[in-house]
Amino acid sequence: MRNVCADFETELVEFNSGTSHVRPLVNIPPKVTVSKLVNSLKDTPSRQLRKEFPDLATPLWPYTSRNRFTTD
């Protein structure tokens, strides 16, 4: 997560997780598109898990869900 945030020049302030979801708190500058950052934050762990466990054929719902919340 920190690597992805660094790539987007954002700051990962806080990170909490549950059994089926994660809650990152990220400072995002105006030049960063929220949807691109969120998609990258979700795609990276999904890709890593599929690489480590190639038998995972079903979607990884916590990482592929389109749900997101943003606030100013």
PDB file of N, CA and C in Angstrom:
ATOM      1  N   MET A   1       0.815  -1.187   0.000  1.00  0.00           N
ATOM      2  CA  MET A   1       0.000   0.000   0.000  1.00  0.00           C
ATOM      3  C   MET A   1       0.864   1.258   0.000  1.00  0.00           C
ATOM      4  N   ARG A   2       1.874   1.259   0.854  1.00  0.00           N
ATOM      5  CA  ARG A   2       2.736   2.446   0.910  1.00  0.00           C
ATOM      6  C   ARG A   2       3.446   2.685  -0.425  1.00  0.00           C
ATOM      7  N   ASN A   3       3.838   1.604  -1.097  1.00  0.00           N
ATOM      8  CA  ASN A   3       4.508   1.752  -2.390  1.00  0.00           C
ATOM      9  C   ASN A   3       3.572   2.370  -3.426  1.00  0.00           C
ATOM     10  N   VAL A   4       2.334   1.907  -3.454  1.00  0.00           N
ATOM     11  CA  VAL A   4       1.358   2.460  -4.403  1.00  0.00           C
ATOM     12  C   VAL A   4       1.117   3.931  -4.086  1.00  0.00           C
ATOM     13  N   CYS A   5       0.945   4.246  -2.807  1.00  0.00           N
ATOM     14  CA  CYS A   5       0.742   5.646  -2.416  1.00  0.00           C
ATOM     15  C   CYS A   5       1.935   6.506  -2.823  1.00  0.00           C
ATOM     16  N   ALA A   6       3.135   5.990  -2.636  1.00  0.00           N
ATOM     17  CA  ALA A   6       4.330   6.735  -3.031  1.00  0.00           C
ATOM     18  C   ALA A   6       4.364   6.955  -4.539  1.00  0.00           C
ATOM     19  N   ASP A   7       3.968   5.940  -5.310  1.00  0.00           N
ATOM     20  CA  ASP A   7       3.928   6.082  -6.774  1.00  0.00           C
ATOM     21  C   ASP A   7       2.979   7.196  -7.204  1.00  0.00           C
ATOM     22  N   PHE A   8       1.892   7.375  -6.461  1.00  0.00           N
ATOM     23  CA  PHE A   8       0.897   8.399  -6.786  1.00  0.00           C
ATOM     24  C   PHE A   8       1.159   9.723  -6.066  1.00  0.00           C
ATOM     25  N   GLU A   9       2.263   9.796  -5.317  1.00  0.00           N
ATOM     26  CA  GLU A   9       2.613  10.985  -4.539  1.00  0.00           C
ATOM     27  C   GLU A   9       1.503  11.344  -3.554  1.00  0.00           C
ATOM     28  N   THR A  10       0.962  10.317  -2.896  1.00  0.00           N
ATOM     29  CA  THR A  10      -0.050  10.481  -1.862  1.00  0.00           C
ATOM     30  C   THR A  10       0.535   9.983  -0.539  1.00  0.00           C
ATOM     31  N   GLU A  11      -0.183  10.203   0.554  1.00  0.00           N
ATOM     32  CA  GLU A  11       0.303   9.798   1.863  1.00  0.00           C
ATOM     33  C   GLU A  11      -0.698   8.844   2.520  1.00  0.00           C
ATOM     34  N   LEU A  12      -0.232   7.634   2.864  1.00  0.00           N
ATOM     35  CA  LEU A  12      -1.052   6.690   3.613  1.00  0.00           C
ATOM     36  C   LEU A  12      -0.968   7.089   5.078  1.00  0.00           C
ATOM     37  N   VAL A  13      -2.043   7.679   5.608  1.00  0.00           N
ATOM     38  CA  VAL A  13      -2.059   8.213   6.969  1.00  0.00           C
ATOM     39  C   VAL A  13      -2.373   7.113   7.973  1.00  0.00           C
ATOM     40  N   GLU A  14      -3.353   6.266   7.625  1.00  0.00           N
ATOM     41  CA  GLU A  14      -3.808   5.228   8.556  1.00  0.00           C
ATOM     42  C   GLU A  14      -4.320   4.047   7.744  1.00  0.00           C
ATOM     43  N   PHE A  15      -4.205   2.859   8.315  1.00  0.00           N
ATOM     44  CA  PHE A  15      -4.664   1.650   7.629  1.00  0.00           C
ATOM     45  C   PHE A  15      -5.282   0.708   8.655  1.00  0.00           C
ATOM     46  N   ASN A  16      -6.555   0.365   8.458  1.00  0.00           N
ATOM     47  CA  ASN A  16      -7.251  -0.610   9.304  1.00  0.00           C
ATOM     48  C   ASN A  16      -7.818  -1.685   8.403  1.00  0.00           C
ATOM     49  N   SER A  17      -7.901  -2.904   8.910  1.00  0.00           N
ATOM     50  CA  SER A  17      -8.468  -3.971   8.099  1.00  0.00           C
ATOM     51  C   SER A  17      -9.383  -4.848   8.930  1.00  0.00           C
ATOM     52  N   GLY A  18     -10.334  -5.456   8.244  1.00  0.00           N
ATOM     53  CA  GLY A  18     -11.232  -6.442   8.834  1.00  0.00           C
ATOM     54  C   GLY A  18     -11.017  -7.759   8.132  1.00  0.00           C
ATOM     55  N   THR A  19     -11.914  -8.694   8.346  1.00  0.00           N
ATOM     56  CA  THR A  19     -11.759 -10.005   7.707  1.00  0.00           C
ATOM     57  C   THR A  19     -12.042  -9.963   6.215  1.00  0.00           C
ATOM     58  N   SER A  20     -12.856  -9.012   5.764  1.00  0.00           N
ATOM     59  CA  SER A  20     -13.205  -8.985   4.343  1.00  0.00           C
ATOM     60  C   SER A  20     -13.049  -7.601   3.712  1.00  0.00           C
ATOM     61  N   HIS A  21     -12.383  -6.686   4.392  1.00  0.00           N
ATOM     62  CA  HIS A  21     -12.249  -5.344   3.836  1.00  0.00           C
ATOM     63  C   HIS A  21     -11.061  -4.615   4.466  1.00  0.00           C
ATOM     64  N   VAL A  22     -10.685  -3.532   3.814  1.00  0.00           N
ATOM     65  CA  VAL A  22      -9.629  -2.668   4.338  1.00  0.00           C
ATOM     66  C   VAL A  22     -10.140  -1.231   4.345  1.00  0.00           C
ATOM     67  N   ARG A  23      -9.589  -0.421   5.246  1.00  0.00           N
ATOM     68  CA  ARG A  23      -9.957   0.995   5.340  1.00  0.00           C
ATOM     69  C   ARG A  23      -8.684   1.829   5.378  1.00  0.00           C
ATOM     70  N   PRO A  24      -8.185   2.217   4.212  1.00  0.00           N
ATOM     71  CA  PRO A  24      -7.027   3.113   4.211  1.00  0.00           C
ATOM     72  C   PRO A  24      -7.488   4.571   4.291  1.00  0.00           C
ATOM     73  N   LEU A  25      -6.767   5.359   5.034  1.00  0.00           N
ATOM     74  CA  LEU A  25      -6.987   6.799   5.077  1.00  0.00           C
ATOM     75  C   LEU A  25      -5.801   7.421   4.355  1.00  0.00           C
ATOM     76  N   VAL A  26      -6.090   8.074   3.229  1.00  0.00           N
ATOM     77  CA  VAL A  26      -5.035   8.559   2.346  1.00  0.00           C
ATOM     78  C   VAL A  26      -5.225  10.044   2.066  1.00  0.00           C
ATOM     79  N   ASN A  27      -4.159  10.820   2.207  1.00  0.00           N
ATOM     80  CA  ASN A  27      -4.162  12.223   1.766  1.00  0.00           C
ATOM     81  C   ASN A  27      -3.856  12.228   0.278  1.00  0.00           C
ATOM     82  N   ILE A  28      -4.780  12.797  -0.500  1.00  0.00           N
ATOM     83  CA  ILE A  28      -4.653  12.777  -1.957  1.00  0.00           C
ATOM     84  C   ILE A  28      -4.609  14.208  -2.478  1.00  0.00           C
ATOM     85  N   PRO A  29      -3.545  14.569  -3.203  1.00  0.00           N
ATOM     86  CA  PRO A  29      -3.506  15.916  -3.783  1.00  0.00           C
ATOM     87  C   PRO A  29      -4.523  16.027  -4.929  1.00  0.00           C
ATOM     88  N   PRO A  30      -4.950  17.237  -5.251  1.00  0.00           N
ATOM     89  CA  PRO A  30      -5.971  17.437  -6.286  1.00  0.00           C
ATOM     90  C   PRO A  30      -5.614  16.860  -7.658  1.00  0.00           C
ATOM     91  N   LYS A  31      -4.332  16.745  -7.952  1.00  0.00           N
ATOM     92  CA  LYS A  31      -3.939  16.252  -9.282  1.00  0.00           C
ATOM     93  C   LYS A  31      -4.141  14.748  -9.451  1.00  0.00           C
ATOM     94  N   VAL A  32      -4.388  14.012  -8.356  1.00  0.00           N
ATOM     95  CA  VAL A  32      -4.542  12.554  -8.415  1.00  0.00           C
ATOM     96  C   VAL A  32      -6.018  12.201  -8.568  1.00  0.00           C
ATOM     97  N   THR A  33      -6.312  11.340  -9.529  1.00  0.00           N
ATOM     98  CA  THR A  33      -7.670  10.861  -9.723  1.00  0.00           C
ATOM     99  C   THR A  33      -7.951   9.759  -8.710  1.00  0.00           C
ATOM    100  N   VAL A  34      -8.980   9.956  -7.890  1.00  0.00           N
ATOM    101  CA  VAL A  34      -9.291   9.022  -6.814  1.00  0.00           C
ATOM    102  C   VAL A  34      -9.537   7.618  -7.358  1.00  0.00           C
ATOM    103  N   SER A  35     -10.290   7.505  -8.433  1.00  0.00           N
ATOM    104  CA  SER A  35     -10.612   6.181  -8.967  1.00  0.00           C
ATOM    105  C   SER A  35      -9.358   5.431  -9.422  1.00  0.00           C
ATOM    106  N   LYS A  36      -8.393   6.126 -10.025  1.00  0.00           N
ATOM    107  CA  LYS A  36      -7.164   5.451 -10.456  1.00  0.00           C
ATOM    108  C   LYS A  36      -6.343   4.980  -9.264  1.00  0.00           C
ATOM    109  N   LEU A  37      -6.269   5.815  -8.208  1.00  0.00           N
ATOM    110  CA  LEU A  37      -5.545   5.416  -7.004  1.00  0.00           C
ATOM    111  C   LEU A  37      -6.212   4.205  -6.355  1.00  0.00           C
ATOM    112  N   VAL A  38      -7.525   4.254  -6.192  1.00  0.00           N
ATOM    113  CA  VAL A  38      -8.246   3.149  -5.554  1.00  0.00           C
ATOM    114  C   VAL A  38      -8.095   1.869  -6.362  1.00  0.00           C
ATOM    115  N   ASN A  39      -8.237   1.950  -7.666  1.00  0.00           N
ATOM    116  CA  ASN A  39      -8.081   0.755  -8.505  1.00  0.00           C
ATOM    117  C   ASN A  39      -6.676   0.172  -8.369  1.00  0.00           C
ATOM    118  N   SER A  40      -5.670   1.019  -8.300  1.00  0.00           N
ATOM    119  CA  SER A  40      -4.299   0.529  -8.135  1.00  0.00           C
ATOM    120  C   SER A  40      -4.091  -0.074  -6.751  1.00  0.00           C
ATOM    121  N   LEU A  41      -4.676   0.554  -5.722  1.00  0.00           N
ATOM    122  CA  LEU A  41      -4.566   0.008  -4.366  1.00  0.00           C
ATOM    123  C   LEU A  41      -5.228  -1.367  -4.259  1.00  0.00           C
ATOM    124  N   LYS A  42      -6.280  -1.589  -5.034  1.00  0.00           N
ATOM    125  CA  LYS A  42      -6.973  -2.882  -4.995  1.00  0.00           C
ATOM    126  C   LYS A  42      -6.308  -3.906  -5.910  1.00  0.00           C
ATOM    127  N   ASP A  43      -5.797  -3.458  -7.042  1.00  0.00           N
ATOM    128  CA  ASP A  43      -5.227  -4.381  -8.019  1.00  0.00           C
ATOM    129  C   ASP A  43      -3.908  -4.986  -7.554  1.00  0.00           C
ATOM    130  N   THR A  44      -3.078  -4.203  -6.888  1.00  0.00           N
ATOM    131  CA  THR A  44      -1.754  -4.674  -6.484  1.00  0.00           C
ATOM    132  C   THR A  44      -1.815  -5.887  -5.560  1.00  0.00           C
ATOM    133  N   PRO A  45      -2.574  -5.857  -4.431  1.00  0.00           N
ATOM    134  CA  PRO A  45      -2.625  -7.054  -3.578  1.00  0.00           C
ATOM    135  C   PRO A  45      -3.307  -8.229  -4.274  1.00  0.00           C
ATOM    136  N   SER A  46      -4.305  -7.942  -5.109  1.00  0.00           N
ATOM    137  CA  SER A  46      -4.987  -9.011  -5.834  1.00  0.00           C
ATOM    138  C   SER A  46      -4.010  -9.738  -6.757  1.00  0.00           C
ATOM    139  N   ARG A  47      -3.209  -8.966  -7.485  1.00  0.00           N
ATOM    140  CA  ARG A  47      -2.215  -9.549  -8.394  1.00  0.00           C
ATOM    141  C   ARG A  47      -1.173 -10.357  -7.621  1.00  0.00           C
ATOM    142  N   GLN A  48      -0.734  -9.830  -6.480  1.00  0.00           N
ATOM    143  CA  GLN A  48       0.256 -10.539  -5.662  1.00  0.00           C
ATOM    144  C   GLN A  48      -0.309 -11.857  -5.135  1.00  0.00           C
ATOM    145  N   LEU A  49      -1.557 -11.848  -4.686  1.00  0.00           N
ATOM    146  CA  LEU A  49      -2.175 -13.083  -4.188  1.00  0.00           C
ATOM    147  C   LEU A  49      -2.333 -14.124  -5.298  1.00  0.00           C
ATOM    148  N   ARG A  50      -2.759 -13.666  -6.496  1.00  0.00           N
ATOM    149  CA  ARG A  50      -2.910 -14.606  -7.612  1.00  0.00           C
ATOM    150  C   ARG A  50      -1.569 -15.174  -8.053  1.00  0.00           C
ATOM    151  N   LYS A  51      -0.513 -14.389  -7.926  1.00  0.00           N
ATOM    152  CA  LYS A  51       0.827 -14.875  -8.281  1.00  0.00           C
ATOM    153  C   LYS A  51       1.296 -15.922  -7.268  1.00  0.00           C
ATOM    154  N   GLU A  52       1.045 -15.660  -5.984  1.00  0.00           N
ATOM    155  CA  GLU A  52       1.461 -16.586  -4.933  1.00  0.00           C
ATOM    156  C   GLU A  52       0.594 -17.845  -4.893  1.00  0.00           C
ATOM    157  N   PHE A  53      -0.699 -17.697  -5.211  1.00  0.00           N
ATOM    158  CA  PHE A  53      -1.635 -18.819  -5.181  1.00  0.00           C
ATOM    159  C   PHE A  53      -2.331 -18.925  -6.538  1.00  0.00           C
ATOM    160  N   PRO A  54      -1.692 -19.548  -7.524  1.00  0.00           N
ATOM    161  CA  PRO A  54      -2.242 -19.594  -8.878  1.00  0.00           C
ATOM    162  C   PRO A  54      -3.576 -20.325  -8.984  1.00  0.00           C
ATOM    163  N   ASP A  55      -3.916 -21.133  -8.004  1.00  0.00           N
ATOM    164  CA  ASP A  55      -5.188 -21.861  -8.050  1.00  0.00           C
ATOM    165  C   ASP A  55      -6.385 -20.966  -7.743  1.00  0.00           C
ATOM    166  N   LEU A  56      -6.141 -19.738  -7.349  1.00  0.00           N
ATOM    167  CA  LEU A  56      -7.249 -18.819  -7.087  1.00  0.00           C
ATOM    168  C   LEU A  56      -7.885 -18.425  -8.420  1.00  0.00           C
ATOM    169  N   ALA A  57      -9.004 -19.033  -8.724  1.00  0.00           N
ATOM    170  CA  ALA A  57      -9.668 -18.741  -9.990  1.00  0.00           C
ATOM    171  C   ALA A  57     -10.862 -17.818  -9.779  1.00  0.00           C
ATOM    172  N   THR A  58     -11.411 -17.789  -8.580  1.00  0.00           N
ATOM    173  CA  THR A  58     -12.577 -16.949  -8.320  1.00  0.00           C
ATOM    174  C   THR A  58     -12.128 -15.525  -8.024  1.00  0.00           C
ATOM    175  N   PRO A  59     -12.992 -14.566  -8.306  1.00  0.00           N
ATOM    176  CA  PRO A  59     -12.630 -13.171  -8.010  1.00  0.00           C
ATOM    177  C   PRO A  59     -12.369 -12.967  -6.525  1.00  0.00           C
ATOM    178  N   LEU A  60     -11.475 -12.065  -6.224  1.00  0.00           N
ATOM    179  CA  LEU A  60     -11.161 -11.733  -4.844  1.00  0.00           C
ATOM    180  C   LEU A  60     -12.020 -10.530  -4.456  1.00  0.00           C
ATOM    181  N   TRP A  61     -13.234 -10.797  -4.004  1.00  0.00           N
ATOM    182  CA  TRP A  61     -14.232  -9.747  -3.806  1.00  0.00           C
ATOM    183  C   TRP A  61     -13.772  -8.579  -2.945  1.00  0.00           C
ATOM    184  N   PRO A  62     -13.027  -8.773  -1.848  1.00  0.00           N
ATOM    185  CA  PRO A  62     -12.630  -7.569  -1.102  1.00  0.00           C
ATOM    186  C   PRO A  62     -11.766  -6.619  -1.928  1.00  0.00           C
ATOM    187  N   TYR A  63     -11.101  -7.150  -2.943  1.00  0.00           N
ATOM    188  CA  TYR A  63     -10.208  -6.314  -3.746  1.00  0.00           C
ATOM    189  C   TYR A  63     -10.825  -5.880  -5.066  1.00  0.00           C
ATOM    190  N   THR A  64     -11.890  -6.548  -5.504  1.00  0.00           N
ATOM    191  CA  THR A  64     -12.457  -6.224  -6.806  1.00  0.00           C
ATOM    192  C   THR A  64     -13.768  -5.479  -6.707  1.00  0.00           C
ATOM    193  N   SER A  65     -14.304  -5.286  -5.518  1.00  0.00           N
ATOM    194  CA  SER A  65     -15.551  -4.560  -5.342  1.00  0.00           C
ATOM    195  C   SER A  65     -15.377  -3.115  -5.807  1.00  0.00           C
ATOM    196  N   ARG A  66     -16.413  -2.541  -6.386  1.00  0.00           N
ATOM    197  CA  ARG A  66     -16.360  -1.165  -6.859  1.00  0.00           C
ATOM    198  C   ARG A  66     -16.734  -0.164  -5.760  1.00  0.00           C
ATOM    199  N   ASN A  67     -16.981  -0.627  -4.550  1.00  0.00           N
ATOM    200  CA  ASN A  67     -17.372   0.277  -3.466  1.00  0.00           C
ATOM    201  C   ASN A  67     -16.189   1.120  -3.034  1.00  0.00           C
ATOM    202  N   ARG A  68     -16.441   2.421  -2.840  1.00  0.00           N
ATOM    203  CA  ARG A  68     -15.429   3.322  -2.317  1.00  0.00           C
ATOM    204  C   ARG A  68     -16.117   4.520  -1.695  1.00  0.00           C
ATOM    205  N   PHE A  69     -15.458   5.128  -0.750  1.00  0.00           N
ATOM    206  CA  PHE A  69     -15.981   6.306  -0.082  1.00  0.00           C
ATOM    207  C   PHE A  69     -14.900   7.362  -0.042  1.00  0.00           C
ATOM    208  N   THR A  70     -15.236   8.559  -0.429  1.00  0.00           N
ATOM    209  CA  THR A  70     -14.278   9.656  -0.352  1.00  0.00           C
ATOM    210  C   THR A  70     -14.956  10.854   0.291  1.00  0.00           C
ATOM    211  N   THR A  71     -14.165  11.703   0.882  1.00  0.00           N
ATOM    212  CA  THR A  71     -14.688  12.921   1.496  1.00  0.00           C
ATOM    213  C   THR A  71     -13.654  14.029   1.403  1.00  0.00           C
ATOM    214  N   ASP A  72     -14.110  15.260   1.454  1.00  0.00           N
ATOM    215  CA  ASP A  72     -13.194  16.405   1.417  1.00  0.00           C
ATOM    216  C   ASP A  72     -12.753  16.767   2.804  1.00  0.00           C
TER     217      ASP A  72
END
